[in-house]
PDB file of all heavy atoms in Angstrom:
ATOM      1  N   TYR A   1      -5.174 -14.817   4.371  1.00  0.00           N
ATOM      2  CA  TYR A   1      -6.227 -15.718   4.930  1.00  0.00           C
ATOM      3  C   TYR A   1      -5.889 -17.208   4.481  1.00  0.00           C
ATOM      4  O   TYR A   1      -5.927 -18.197   5.342  1.00  0.00           O
ATOM      5  CB  TYR A   1      -7.687 -15.442   4.321  1.00  0.00           C
ATOM      6  CG  TYR A   1      -8.752 -16.234   5.221  1.00  0.00           C
ATOM      7  CD1 TYR A   1      -9.221 -15.440   6.256  1.00  0.00           C
ATOM      8  CD2 TYR A   1      -9.189 -17.455   4.916  1.00  0.00           C
ATOM      9  CE1 TYR A   1     -10.251 -16.121   7.092  1.00  0.00           C
ATOM     10  CE2 TYR A   1     -10.092 -18.058   5.755  1.00  0.00           C
ATOM     11  CZ  TYR A   1     -10.635 -17.396   6.825  1.00  0.00           C
ATOM     12  OH  TYR A   1     -11.563 -17.988   7.573  1.00  0.00           O
ATOM     13  N   ALA A   2      -5.365 -17.367   3.312  1.00  0.00           N
ATOM     14  CA  ALA A   2      -4.972 -18.709   2.874  1.00  0.00           C
ATOM     15  C   ALA A   2      -3.721 -19.209   3.708  1.00  0.00           C
ATOM     16  O   ALA A   2      -3.721 -20.444   4.169  1.00  0.00           O
ATOM     17  CB  ALA A   2      -4.523 -18.656   1.423  1.00  0.00           C
ATOM     18  N   LEU A   3      -2.798 -18.339   3.997  1.00  0.00           N
ATOM     19  CA  LEU A   3      -1.665 -18.746   4.773  1.00  0.00           C
ATOM     20  C   LEU A   3      -2.113 -19.232   6.165  1.00  0.00           C
ATOM     21  O   LEU A   3      -1.613 -20.248   6.803  1.00  0.00           O
ATOM     22  CB  LEU A   3      -0.722 -17.534   4.922  1.00  0.00           C
ATOM     23  CG  LEU A   3       0.088 -17.246   3.746  1.00  0.00           C
ATOM     24  CD1 LEU A   3       0.821 -15.861   3.927  1.00  0.00           C
ATOM     25  CD2 LEU A   3       1.151 -18.336   3.381  1.00  0.00           C
ATOM     26  N   GLY A   4      -3.007 -18.343   6.890  1.00  0.00           N
ATOM     27  CA  GLY A   4      -3.565 -18.781   8.117  1.00  0.00           C
ATOM     28  C   GLY A   4      -4.301 -20.060   8.114  1.00  0.00           C
ATOM     29  O   GLY A   4      -4.102 -20.882   9.001  1.00  0.00           O
ATOM     30  N   TYR A   5      -5.100 -20.214   7.085  1.00  0.00           N
ATOM     31  CA  TYR A   5      -5.931 -21.455   6.967  1.00  0.00           C
ATOM     32  C   TYR A   5      -4.941 -22.648   6.854  1.00  0.00           C
ATOM     33  O   TYR A   5      -5.096 -23.743   7.440  1.00  0.00           O
ATOM     34  CB  TYR A   5      -6.876 -21.359   5.863  1.00  0.00           C
ATOM     35  CG  TYR A   5      -7.752 -22.628   5.626  1.00  0.00           C
ATOM     36  CD1 TYR A   5      -8.940 -22.693   6.254  1.00  0.00           C
ATOM     37  CD2 TYR A   5      -7.311 -23.630   4.800  1.00  0.00           C
ATOM     38  CE1 TYR A   5      -9.712 -23.855   6.127  1.00  0.00           C
ATOM     39  CE2 TYR A   5      -8.132 -24.761   4.596  1.00  0.00           C
ATOM     40  CZ  TYR A   5      -9.232 -24.825   5.290  1.00  0.00           C
ATOM     41  OH  TYR A   5     -10.073 -25.957   5.174  1.00  0.00           O
ATOM     42  N   ALA A   6      -3.978 -22.622   5.977  1.00  0.00           N
ATOM     43  CA  ALA A   6      -3.038 -23.646   5.597  1.00  0.00           C
ATOM     44  C   ALA A   6      -2.259 -24.111   6.863  1.00  0.00           C
ATOM     45  O   ALA A   6      -1.928 -25.273   7.054  1.00  0.00           O
ATOM     46  CB  ALA A   6      -2.100 -23.318   4.422  1.00  0.00           C
ATOM     47  N   ALA A   7      -1.938 -23.125   7.658  1.00  0.00           N
ATOM     48  CA  ALA A   7      -1.220 -23.470   8.929  1.00  0.00           C
ATOM     49  C   ALA A   7      -2.095 -24.161  10.029  1.00  0.00           C
ATOM     50  O   ALA A   7      -1.563 -24.964  10.789  1.00  0.00           O
ATOM     51  CB  ALA A   7      -0.542 -22.196   9.463  1.00  0.00           C
ATOM     52  N   GLU A   8      -3.374 -23.971   9.887  1.00  0.00           N
ATOM     53  CA  GLU A   8      -4.273 -24.533  11.022  1.00  0.00           C
ATOM     54  C   GLU A   8      -4.979 -25.828  10.514  1.00  0.00           C
ATOM     55  O   GLU A   8      -5.169 -26.736  11.251  1.00  0.00           O
ATOM     56  CB  GLU A   8      -5.408 -23.540  11.308  1.00  0.00           C
ATOM     57  CG  GLU A   8      -4.744 -22.316  12.144  1.00  0.00           C
ATOM     58  CD  GLU A   8      -5.792 -21.229  12.589  1.00  0.00           C
ATOM     59  OE1 GLU A   8      -7.043 -21.587  12.233  1.00  0.00           O
ATOM     60  OE2 GLU A   8      -5.502 -20.210  13.112  1.00  0.00           O
ATOM     61  N   ARG A   9      -5.310 -25.899   9.233  1.00  0.00           N
ATOM     62  CA  ARG A   9      -6.069 -27.027   8.766  1.00  0.00           C
ATOM     63  C   ARG A   9      -5.228 -28.278   8.660  1.00  0.00           C
ATOM     64  O   ARG A   9      -4.132 -28.264   8.029  1.00  0.00           O
ATOM     65  CB  ARG A   9      -6.570 -26.647   7.226  1.00  0.00           C
ATOM     66  CG  ARG A   9      -7.226 -27.856   6.580  1.00  0.00           C
ATOM     67  CD  ARG A   9      -8.521 -28.255   7.214  1.00  0.00           C
ATOM     68  NE  ARG A   9      -9.250 -29.136   6.205  1.00  0.00           N
ATOM     69  CZ  ARG A   9     -10.324 -29.789   6.525  1.00  0.00           C
ATOM     70  NH1 ARG A   9     -10.800 -29.729   7.725  1.00  0.00           N
ATOM     71  NH2 ARG A   9     -10.892 -30.701   5.757  1.00  0.00           N
ATOM     72  N   LYS A  10      -5.731 -29.362   9.199  1.00  0.00           N
ATOM     73  CA  LYS A  10      -4.924 -30.644   9.326  1.00  0.00           C
ATOM     74  C   LYS A  10      -5.603 -31.755   8.413  1.00  0.00           C
ATOM     75  O   LYS A  10      -6.912 -31.862   8.357  1.00  0.00           O
ATOM     76  CB  LYS A  10      -4.737 -31.137  10.681  1.00  0.00           C
ATOM     77  CG  LYS A  10      -3.842 -30.288  11.622  1.00  0.00           C
ATOM     78  CD  LYS A  10      -3.568 -30.809  12.870  1.00  0.00           C
ATOM     79  CE  LYS A  10      -2.640 -30.110  13.677  1.00  0.00           C
ATOM     80  NZ  LYS A  10      -2.267 -30.740  15.050  1.00  0.00           N
ATOM     81  N   GLN A  11      -4.810 -32.386   7.602  1.00  0.00           N
ATOM     82  CA  GLN A  11      -5.266 -33.556   6.852  1.00  0.00           C
ATOM     83  C   GLN A  11      -4.103 -34.632   7.043  1.00  0.00           C
ATOM     84  O   GLN A  11      -2.916 -34.211   6.977  1.00  0.00           O
ATOM     85  CB  GLN A  11      -5.565 -33.309   5.526  1.00  0.00           C
ATOM     86  CG  GLN A  11      -6.771 -32.402   5.244  1.00  0.00           C
ATOM     87  CD  GLN A  11      -8.122 -33.248   5.490  1.00  0.00           C
ATOM     88  OE1 GLN A  11      -8.611 -33.994   4.669  1.00  0.00           O
ATOM     89  NE2 GLN A  11      -8.589 -33.106   6.693  1.00  0.00           N
ATOM     90  N   PHE A  12      -4.499 -35.849   7.089  1.00  0.00           N
ATOM     91  CA  PHE A  12      -3.475 -36.890   7.291  1.00  0.00           C
ATOM     92  C   PHE A  12      -2.631 -36.692   8.494  1.00  0.00           C
ATOM     93  O   PHE A  12      -1.447 -37.088   8.488  1.00  0.00           O
ATOM     94  CB  PHE A  12      -2.617 -37.042   5.999  1.00  0.00           C
ATOM     95  CG  PHE A  12      -3.442 -37.192   4.815  1.00  0.00           C
ATOM     96  CD1 PHE A  12      -3.649 -36.102   3.909  1.00  0.00           C
ATOM     97  CD2 PHE A  12      -3.975 -38.444   4.459  1.00  0.00           C
ATOM     98  CE1 PHE A  12      -4.364 -36.283   2.727  1.00  0.00           C
ATOM     99  CE2 PHE A  12      -4.697 -38.588   3.271  1.00  0.00           C
ATOM    100  CZ  PHE A  12      -4.975 -37.433   2.480  1.00  0.00           C
ATOM    101  N   GLY A  13      -3.194 -35.989   9.541  1.00  0.00           N
ATOM    102  CA  GLY A  13      -2.467 -35.808  10.674  1.00  0.00           C
ATOM    103  C   GLY A  13      -1.499 -34.665  10.828  1.00  0.00           C
ATOM    104  O   GLY A  13      -0.790 -34.554  11.752  1.00  0.00           O
ATOM    105  N   THR A  14      -1.455 -33.885   9.770  1.00  0.00           N
ATOM    106  CA  THR A  14      -0.454 -32.712   9.653  1.00  0.00           C
ATOM    107  C   THR A  14      -1.089 -31.518   9.052  1.00  0.00           C
ATOM    108  O   THR A  14      -1.966 -31.645   8.261  1.00  0.00           O
ATOM    109  CB  THR A  14       0.798 -33.235   8.868  1.00  0.00           C
ATOM    110  OG1 THR A  14       1.754 -32.167   9.082  1.00  0.00           O
ATOM    111  CG2 THR A  14       0.490 -33.458   7.464  1.00  0.00           C
ATOM    112  N   PRO A  15      -0.661 -30.289   9.465  1.00  0.00           N
ATOM    113  CA  PRO A  15      -1.092 -29.172   8.723  1.00  0.00           C
ATOM    114  C   PRO A  15      -0.861 -29.256   7.279  1.00  0.00           C
ATOM    115  O   PRO A  15       0.206 -29.714   6.772  1.00  0.00           O
ATOM    116  CB  PRO A  15      -0.360 -28.056   9.410  1.00  0.00           C
ATOM    117  CG  PRO A  15       0.228 -28.516  10.686  1.00  0.00           C
ATOM    118  CD  PRO A  15       0.304 -30.035  10.459  1.00  0.00           C
ATOM    119  N   ILE A  16      -1.784 -28.894   6.455  1.00  0.00           N
ATOM    120  CA  ILE A  16      -1.694 -28.911   4.984  1.00  0.00           C
ATOM    121  C   ILE A  16      -0.573 -28.019   4.466  1.00  0.00           C
ATOM    122  O   ILE A  16      -0.116 -28.129   3.327  1.00  0.00           O
ATOM    123  CB  ILE A  16      -2.996 -28.619   4.250  1.00  0.00           C
ATOM    124  CG1 ILE A  16      -3.452 -27.134   4.501  1.00  0.00           C
ATOM    125  CG2 ILE A  16      -4.197 -29.485   4.671  1.00  0.00           C
ATOM    126  CD1 ILE A  16      -4.660 -26.722   3.689  1.00  0.00           C
ATOM    127  N   SER A  17      -0.147 -27.081   5.340  1.00  0.00           N
ATOM    128  CA  SER A  17       1.031 -26.195   4.870  1.00  0.00           C
ATOM    129  C   SER A  17       2.358 -27.096   4.863  1.00  0.00           C
ATOM    130  O   SER A  17       3.261 -26.484   4.249  1.00  0.00           O
ATOM    131  CB  SER A  17       1.144 -25.007   5.885  1.00  0.00           C
ATOM    132  OG  SER A  17       1.358 -25.528   7.225  1.00  0.00           O
ATOM    133  N   ASP A  18       2.238 -28.282   5.369  1.00  0.00           N
ATOM    134  CA  ASP A  18       3.519 -29.079   5.236  1.00  0.00           C
ATOM    135  C   ASP A  18       3.684 -29.764   3.939  1.00  0.00           C
ATOM    136  O   ASP A  18       4.699 -30.299   3.599  1.00  0.00           O
ATOM    137  CB  ASP A  18       3.446 -30.206   6.365  1.00  0.00           C
ATOM    138  CG  ASP A  18       3.640 -29.631   7.765  1.00  0.00           C
ATOM    139  OD1 ASP A  18       4.194 -28.531   7.881  1.00  0.00           O
ATOM    140  OD2 ASP A  18       3.343 -30.342   8.751  1.00  0.00           O
ATOM    141  N   PHE A  19       2.571 -29.791   3.096  1.00  0.00           N
ATOM    142  CA  PHE A  19       2.592 -30.480   1.912  1.00  0.00           C
ATOM    143  C   PHE A  19       3.299 -29.556   0.852  1.00  0.00           C
ATOM    144  O   PHE A  19       2.915 -28.470   0.589  1.00  0.00           O
ATOM    145  CB  PHE A  19       1.142 -30.827   1.442  1.00  0.00           C
ATOM    146  CG  PHE A  19       0.533 -31.776   2.404  1.00  0.00           C
ATOM    147  CD1 PHE A  19      -0.735 -31.497   2.829  1.00  0.00           C
ATOM    148  CD2 PHE A  19       1.203 -32.891   2.915  1.00  0.00           C
ATOM    149  CE1 PHE A  19      -1.459 -32.337   3.790  1.00  0.00           C
ATOM    150  CE2 PHE A  19       0.472 -33.750   3.865  1.00  0.00           C
ATOM    151  CZ  PHE A  19      -0.669 -33.482   4.257  1.00  0.00           C
ATOM    152  N   GLN A  20       4.212 -30.146   0.107  1.00  0.00           N
ATOM    153  CA  GLN A  20       5.022 -29.369  -0.778  1.00  0.00           C
ATOM    154  C   GLN A  20       4.170 -28.769  -1.944  1.00  0.00           C
ATOM    155  O   GLN A  20       4.442 -27.636  -2.436  1.00  0.00           O
ATOM    156  CB  GLN A  20       6.142 -30.197  -1.378  1.00  0.00           C
ATOM    157  CG  GLN A  20       7.140 -29.371  -2.147  1.00  0.00           C
ATOM    158  CD  GLN A  20       8.290 -30.282  -2.639  1.00  0.00           C
ATOM    159  OE1 GLN A  20       8.086 -31.234  -3.417  1.00  0.00           O
ATOM    160  NE2 GLN A  20       9.554 -29.998  -2.186  1.00  0.00           N
ATOM    161  N   GLY A  21       3.148 -29.515  -2.347  1.00  0.00           N
ATOM    162  CA  GLY A  21       2.395 -29.129  -3.538  1.00  0.00           C
ATOM    163  C   GLY A  21       1.653 -27.753  -3.094  1.00  0.00           C
ATOM    164  O   GLY A  21       1.526 -26.905  -3.920  1.00  0.00           O
ATOM    165  N   LEU A  22       1.124 -27.735  -1.872  1.00  0.00           N
ATOM    166  CA  LEU A  22       0.501 -26.536  -1.436  1.00  0.00           C
ATOM    167  C   LEU A  22       1.547 -25.419  -1.170  1.00  0.00           C
ATOM    168  O   LEU A  22       1.201 -24.176  -1.449  1.00  0.00           O
ATOM    169  CB  LEU A  22      -0.201 -26.796  -0.205  1.00  0.00           C
ATOM    170  CG  LEU A  22      -1.178 -25.730   0.261  1.00  0.00           C
ATOM    171  CD1 LEU A  22      -2.449 -25.718  -0.624  1.00  0.00           C
ATOM    172  CD2 LEU A  22      -1.649 -25.817   1.674  1.00  0.00           C
ATOM    173  N   GLN A  23       2.681 -25.724  -0.683  1.00  0.00           N
ATOM    174  CA  GLN A  23       3.701 -24.757  -0.506  1.00  0.00           C
ATOM    175  C   GLN A  23       4.095 -24.057  -1.886  1.00  0.00           C
ATOM    176  O   GLN A  23       4.238 -22.866  -1.822  1.00  0.00           O
ATOM    177  CB  GLN A  23       4.989 -25.346   0.135  1.00  0.00           C
ATOM    178  CG  GLN A  23       4.804 -25.817   1.559  1.00  0.00           C
ATOM    179  CD  GLN A  23       6.079 -26.557   2.067  1.00  0.00           C
ATOM    180  OE1 GLN A  23       6.971 -26.798   1.367  1.00  0.00           O
ATOM    181  NE2 GLN A  23       5.951 -26.974   3.367  1.00  0.00           N
ATOM    182  N   PHE A  24       4.191 -24.806  -2.852  1.00  0.00           N
ATOM    183  CA  PHE A  24       4.485 -24.228  -4.296  1.00  0.00           C
ATOM    184  C   PHE A  24       3.338 -23.181  -4.628  1.00  0.00           C
ATOM    185  O   PHE A  24       3.606 -22.108  -5.151  1.00  0.00           O
ATOM    186  CB  PHE A  24       4.552 -25.331  -5.269  1.00  0.00           C
ATOM    187  CG  PHE A  24       5.759 -26.143  -5.170  1.00  0.00           C
ATOM    188  CD1 PHE A  24       6.030 -27.308  -6.029  1.00  0.00           C
ATOM    189  CD2 PHE A  24       6.813 -25.854  -4.408  1.00  0.00           C
ATOM    190  CE1 PHE A  24       7.151 -27.935  -6.111  1.00  0.00           C
ATOM    191  CE2 PHE A  24       8.028 -26.591  -4.279  1.00  0.00           C
ATOM    192  CZ  PHE A  24       8.144 -27.616  -5.189  1.00  0.00           C
ATOM    193  N   LEU A  25       2.076 -23.600  -4.398  1.00  0.00           N
ATOM    194  CA  LEU A  25       1.048 -22.774  -4.746  1.00  0.00           C
ATOM    195  C   LEU A  25       1.130 -21.385  -3.880  1.00  0.00           C
ATOM    196  O   LEU A  25       0.968 -20.290  -4.441  1.00  0.00           O
ATOM    197  CB  LEU A  25      -0.260 -23.381  -4.422  1.00  0.00           C
ATOM    198  CG  LEU A  25      -1.628 -22.728  -4.813  1.00  0.00           C
ATOM    199  CD1 LEU A  25      -1.593 -22.525  -6.337  1.00  0.00           C
ATOM    200  CD2 LEU A  25      -2.815 -23.505  -4.370  1.00  0.00           C
ATOM    201  N   LEU A  26       1.330 -21.538  -2.587  1.00  0.00           N
ATOM    202  CA  LEU A  26       1.532 -20.401  -1.738  1.00  0.00           C
ATOM    203  C   LEU A  26       2.725 -19.505  -2.199  1.00  0.00           C
ATOM    204  O   LEU A  26       2.588 -18.329  -2.192  1.00  0.00           O
ATOM    205  CB  LEU A  26       1.685 -20.777  -0.281  1.00  0.00           C
ATOM    206  CG  LEU A  26       0.357 -21.444   0.344  1.00  0.00           C
ATOM    207  CD1 LEU A  26       0.806 -21.917   1.801  1.00  0.00           C
ATOM    208  CD2 LEU A  26      -0.702 -20.484   0.569  1.00  0.00           C
ATOM    209  N   ALA A  27       3.861 -20.102  -2.479  1.00  0.00           N
ATOM    210  CA  ALA A  27       5.005 -19.438  -2.929  1.00  0.00           C
ATOM    211  C   ALA A  27       4.698 -18.559  -4.129  1.00  0.00           C
ATOM    212  O   ALA A  27       5.029 -17.503  -4.307  1.00  0.00           O
ATOM    213  CB  ALA A  27       6.108 -20.352  -3.242  1.00  0.00           C
ATOM    214  N   ASP A  28       3.896 -19.199  -5.184  1.00  0.00           N
ATOM    215  CA  ASP A  28       3.624 -18.430  -6.410  1.00  0.00           C
ATOM    216  C   ASP A  28       2.739 -17.255  -6.101  1.00  0.00           C
ATOM    217  O   ASP A  28       2.806 -16.139  -6.662  1.00  0.00           O
ATOM    218  CB  ASP A  28       2.854 -19.373  -7.444  1.00  0.00           C
ATOM    219  CG  ASP A  28       3.948 -20.327  -8.079  1.00  0.00           C
ATOM    220  OD1 ASP A  28       5.105 -20.008  -8.150  1.00  0.00           O
ATOM    221  OD2 ASP A  28       3.437 -21.313  -8.698  1.00  0.00           O
ATOM    222  N   MET A  29       1.819 -17.407  -5.139  1.00  0.00           N
ATOM    223  CA  MET A  29       0.919 -16.350  -4.719  1.00  0.00           C
ATOM    224  C   MET A  29       1.677 -15.349  -4.071  1.00  0.00           C
ATOM    225  O   MET A  29       1.500 -14.077  -4.442  1.00  0.00           O
ATOM    226  CB  MET A  29      -0.168 -16.910  -3.677  1.00  0.00           C
ATOM    227  CG  MET A  29      -1.187 -17.915  -4.320  1.00  0.00           C
ATOM    228  SD  MET A  29      -2.006 -18.855  -3.098  1.00  0.00           S
ATOM    229  CE  MET A  29      -3.059 -17.626  -2.301  1.00  0.00           C
ATOM    230  N   GLY A  30       2.541 -15.585  -3.176  1.00  0.00           N
ATOM    231  CA  GLY A  30       3.314 -14.538  -2.574  1.00  0.00           C
ATOM    232  C   GLY A  30       4.354 -13.840  -3.452  1.00  0.00           C
ATOM    233  O   GLY A  30       4.464 -12.612  -3.472  1.00  0.00           O
ATOM    234  N   MET A  31       4.950 -14.480  -4.452  1.00  0.00           N
ATOM    235  CA  MET A  31       5.728 -13.840  -5.344  1.00  0.00           C
ATOM    236  C   MET A  31       4.894 -12.823  -6.294  1.00  0.00           C
ATOM    237  O   MET A  31       5.333 -11.661  -6.470  1.00  0.00           O
ATOM    238  CB  MET A  31       6.493 -14.927  -6.357  1.00  0.00           C
ATOM    239  CG  MET A  31       7.610 -15.598  -5.818  1.00  0.00           C
ATOM    240  SD  MET A  31       8.478 -16.555  -6.978  1.00  0.00           S
ATOM    241  CE  MET A  31       7.232 -17.779  -7.411  1.00  0.00           C
ATOM    242  N   ARG A  32       3.828 -13.228  -6.723  1.00  0.00           N
ATOM    243  CA  ARG A  32       2.983 -12.460  -7.638  1.00  0.00           C
ATOM    244  C   ARG A  32       2.459 -11.112  -6.894  1.00  0.00           C
ATOM    245  O   ARG A  32       2.448 -10.030  -7.432  1.00  0.00           O
ATOM    246  CB  ARG A  32       1.898 -13.200  -8.205  1.00  0.00           C
ATOM    247  CG  ARG A  32       2.376 -14.106  -9.325  1.00  0.00           C
ATOM    248  CD  ARG A  32       1.448 -15.172  -9.702  1.00  0.00           C
ATOM    249  NE  ARG A  32       1.867 -15.924 -10.858  1.00  0.00           N
ATOM    250  CZ  ARG A  32       2.747 -16.804 -10.942  1.00  0.00           C
ATOM    251  NH1 ARG A  32       3.451 -17.107  -9.841  1.00  0.00           N
ATOM    252  NH2 ARG A  32       3.055 -17.480 -11.975  1.00  0.00           N
ATOM    253  N   VAL A  33       1.982 -11.362  -5.601  1.00  0.00           N
ATOM    254  CA  VAL A  33       1.502 -10.183  -4.870  1.00  0.00           C
ATOM    255  C   VAL A  33       2.691  -9.269  -4.700  1.00  0.00           C
ATOM    256  O   VAL A  33       2.526  -7.917  -4.811  1.00  0.00           O
ATOM    257  CB  VAL A  33       0.917 -10.643  -3.544  1.00  0.00           C
ATOM    258  CG1 VAL A  33       0.678  -9.492  -2.642  1.00  0.00           C
ATOM    259  CG2 VAL A  33      -0.287 -11.452  -3.817  1.00  0.00           C
ATOM    260  N   GLU A  34       3.851  -9.704  -4.301  1.00  0.00           N
ATOM    261  CA  GLU A  34       4.914  -8.763  -4.090  1.00  0.00           C
ATOM    262  C   GLU A  34       5.449  -8.015  -5.316  1.00  0.00           C
ATOM    263  O   GLU A  34       5.662  -6.856  -5.308  1.00  0.00           O
ATOM    264  CB  GLU A  34       6.216  -9.460  -3.373  1.00  0.00           C
ATOM    265  CG  GLU A  34       7.184  -8.511  -2.763  1.00  0.00           C
ATOM    266  CD  GLU A  34       6.548  -7.456  -1.883  1.00  0.00           C
ATOM    267  OE1 GLU A  34       5.846  -7.933  -0.956  1.00  0.00           O
ATOM    268  OE2 GLU A  34       6.856  -6.320  -1.997  1.00  0.00           O
ATOM    269  N   ALA A  35       5.462  -8.781  -6.446  1.00  0.00           N
ATOM    270  CA  ALA A  35       5.823  -8.127  -7.714  1.00  0.00           C
ATOM    271  C   ALA A  35       4.797  -7.112  -8.012  1.00  0.00           C
ATOM    272  O   ALA A  35       5.177  -6.000  -8.556  1.00  0.00           O
ATOM    273  CB  ALA A  35       5.892  -9.215  -8.825  1.00  0.00           C
ATOM    274  N   ALA A  36       3.478  -7.344  -7.904  1.00  0.00           N
ATOM    275  CA  ALA A  36       2.403  -6.331  -8.158  1.00  0.00           C
ATOM    276  C   ALA A  36       2.598  -5.156  -7.343  1.00  0.00           C
ATOM    277  O   ALA A  36       2.377  -3.991  -7.851  1.00  0.00           O
ATOM    278  CB  ALA A  36       1.049  -6.963  -7.998  1.00  0.00           C
ATOM    279  N   ARG A  37       2.845  -5.315  -6.113  1.00  0.00           N
ATOM    280  CA  ARG A  37       2.945  -4.270  -5.066  1.00  0.00           C
ATOM    281  C   ARG A  37       4.259  -3.310  -5.560  1.00  0.00           C
ATOM    282  O   ARG A  37       4.056  -2.109  -5.495  1.00  0.00           O
ATOM    283  CB  ARG A  37       3.213  -4.819  -3.678  1.00  0.00           C
ATOM    284  CG  ARG A  37       3.402  -3.658  -2.614  1.00  0.00           C
ATOM    285  CD  ARG A  37       3.615  -4.205  -1.276  1.00  0.00           C
ATOM    286  NE  ARG A  37       2.340  -4.720  -0.779  1.00  0.00           N
ATOM    287  CZ  ARG A  37       2.142  -5.973  -0.515  1.00  0.00           C
ATOM    288  NH1 ARG A  37       2.943  -6.886  -0.736  1.00  0.00           N
ATOM    289  NH2 ARG A  37       0.801  -6.326  -0.058  1.00  0.00           N
ATOM    290  N   GLN A  38       5.347  -3.980  -5.828  1.00  0.00           N
ATOM    291  CA  GLN A  38       6.539  -3.178  -6.199  1.00  0.00           C
ATOM    292  C   GLN A  38       6.265  -2.308  -7.476  1.00  0.00           C
ATOM    293  O   GLN A  38       6.548  -1.217  -7.644  1.00  0.00           O
ATOM    294  CB  GLN A  38       7.672  -4.050  -6.467  1.00  0.00           C
ATOM    295  CG  GLN A  38       8.169  -4.794  -5.197  1.00  0.00           C
ATOM    296  CD  GLN A  38       8.661  -3.841  -4.067  1.00  0.00           C
ATOM    297  OE1 GLN A  38       9.227  -2.807  -4.482  1.00  0.00           O
ATOM    298  NE2 GLN A  38       8.502  -4.171  -2.889  1.00  0.00           N
ATOM    299  N   MET A  39       5.496  -2.895  -8.524  1.00  0.00           N
ATOM    300  CA  MET A  39       5.142  -2.257  -9.723  1.00  0.00           C
ATOM    301  C   MET A  39       4.240  -1.151  -9.373  1.00  0.00           C
ATOM    302  O   MET A  39       4.349   0.058  -9.973  1.00  0.00           O
ATOM    303  CB  MET A  39       4.559  -3.152 -10.745  1.00  0.00           C
ATOM    304  CG  MET A  39       4.248  -2.396 -12.066  1.00  0.00           C
ATOM    305  SD  MET A  39       3.537  -3.599 -13.360  1.00  0.00           S
ATOM    306  CE  MET A  39       5.033  -4.279 -13.945  1.00  0.00           C
ATOM    307  N   THR A  40       3.287  -1.365  -8.564  1.00  0.00           N
ATOM    308  CA  THR A  40       2.245  -0.377  -8.190  1.00  0.00           C
ATOM    309  C   THR A  40       2.995   0.772  -7.468  1.00  0.00           C
ATOM    310  O   THR A  40       2.645   1.997  -7.733  1.00  0.00           O
ATOM    311  CB  THR A  40       1.180  -0.973  -7.332  1.00  0.00           C
ATOM    312  OG1 THR A  40       0.479  -2.034  -8.046  1.00  0.00           O
ATOM    313  CG2 THR A  40       0.142   0.050  -6.862  1.00  0.00           C
ATOM    314  N   TYR A  41       3.781   0.596  -6.537  1.00  0.00           N
ATOM    315  CA  TYR A  41       4.471   1.688  -5.765  1.00  0.00           C
ATOM    316  C   TYR A  41       5.418   2.460  -6.690  1.00  0.00           C
ATOM    317  O   TYR A  41       5.427   3.701  -6.584  1.00  0.00           O
ATOM    318  CB  TYR A  41       5.294   0.995  -4.549  1.00  0.00           C
ATOM    319  CG  TYR A  41       4.495   0.556  -3.437  1.00  0.00           C
ATOM    320  CD1 TYR A  41       3.148   0.545  -3.507  1.00  0.00           C
ATOM    321  CD2 TYR A  41       5.130   0.106  -2.339  1.00  0.00           C
ATOM    322  CE1 TYR A  41       2.382   0.005  -2.460  1.00  0.00           C
ATOM    323  CE2 TYR A  41       4.368  -0.273  -1.194  1.00  0.00           C
ATOM    324  CZ  TYR A  41       3.046  -0.403  -1.326  1.00  0.00           C
ATOM    325  OH  TYR A  41       2.247  -0.977  -0.199  1.00  0.00           O
ATOM    326  N   ALA A  42       5.971   1.757  -7.599  1.00  0.00           N
ATOM    327  CA  ALA A  42       6.911   2.498  -8.639  1.00  0.00           C
ATOM    328  C   ALA A  42       5.955   3.407  -9.482  1.00  0.00           C
ATOM    329  O   ALA A  42       6.296   4.583  -9.743  1.00  0.00           O
ATOM    330  CB  ALA A  42       7.585   1.561  -9.535  1.00  0.00           C
ATOM    331  N   ALA A  43       4.858   2.917  -9.841  1.00  0.00           N
ATOM    332  CA  ALA A  43       3.878   3.713 -10.650  1.00  0.00           C
ATOM    333  C   ALA A  43       3.461   4.900  -9.824  1.00  0.00           C
ATOM    334  O   ALA A  43       3.191   5.983 -10.313  1.00  0.00           O
ATOM    335  CB  ALA A  43       2.781   2.824 -11.208  1.00  0.00           C
ATOM    336  N   ALA A  44       3.116   4.585  -8.569  1.00  0.00           N
ATOM    337  CA  ALA A  44       2.734   5.789  -7.654  1.00  0.00           C
ATOM    338  C   ALA A  44       3.774   6.893  -7.605  1.00  0.00           C
ATOM    339  O   ALA A  44       3.414   8.030  -7.661  1.00  0.00           O
ATOM    340  CB  ALA A  44       2.390   5.290  -6.249  1.00  0.00           C
ATOM    341  N   GLY A  45       4.997   6.506  -7.550  1.00  0.00           N
ATOM    342  CA  GLY A  45       6.089   7.586  -7.531  1.00  0.00           C
ATOM    343  C   GLY A  45       6.100   8.302  -8.885  1.00  0.00           C
ATOM    344  O   GLY A  45       6.292   9.485  -8.824  1.00  0.00           O
ATOM    345  N   LYS A  46       5.826   7.628 -10.002  1.00  0.00           N
ATOM    346  CA  LYS A  46       5.759   8.344 -11.225  1.00  0.00           C
ATOM    347  C   LYS A  46       4.517   9.222 -11.396  1.00  0.00           C
ATOM    348  O   LYS A  46       4.558  10.313 -11.896  1.00  0.00           O
ATOM    349  CB  LYS A  46       5.792   7.323 -12.340  1.00  0.00           C
ATOM    350  CG  LYS A  46       7.185   6.523 -12.481  1.00  0.00           C
ATOM    351  CD  LYS A  46       7.120   5.437 -13.521  1.00  0.00           C
ATOM    352  CE  LYS A  46       8.534   4.860 -13.529  1.00  0.00           C
ATOM    353  NZ  LYS A  46       9.622   5.788 -14.146  1.00  0.00           N
TER     354      LYS A  46
END
């Protein structure tokens, strides 16, 4: 939902997803979700 919102919401005449500060936040979110998923799937195998 955050990714979709960031791509559509505009401030200062541009989507907020263009702002590097927000990109860093989204990048951290994506990394953590994927790391959690990989650990969870590994645990499921065990």
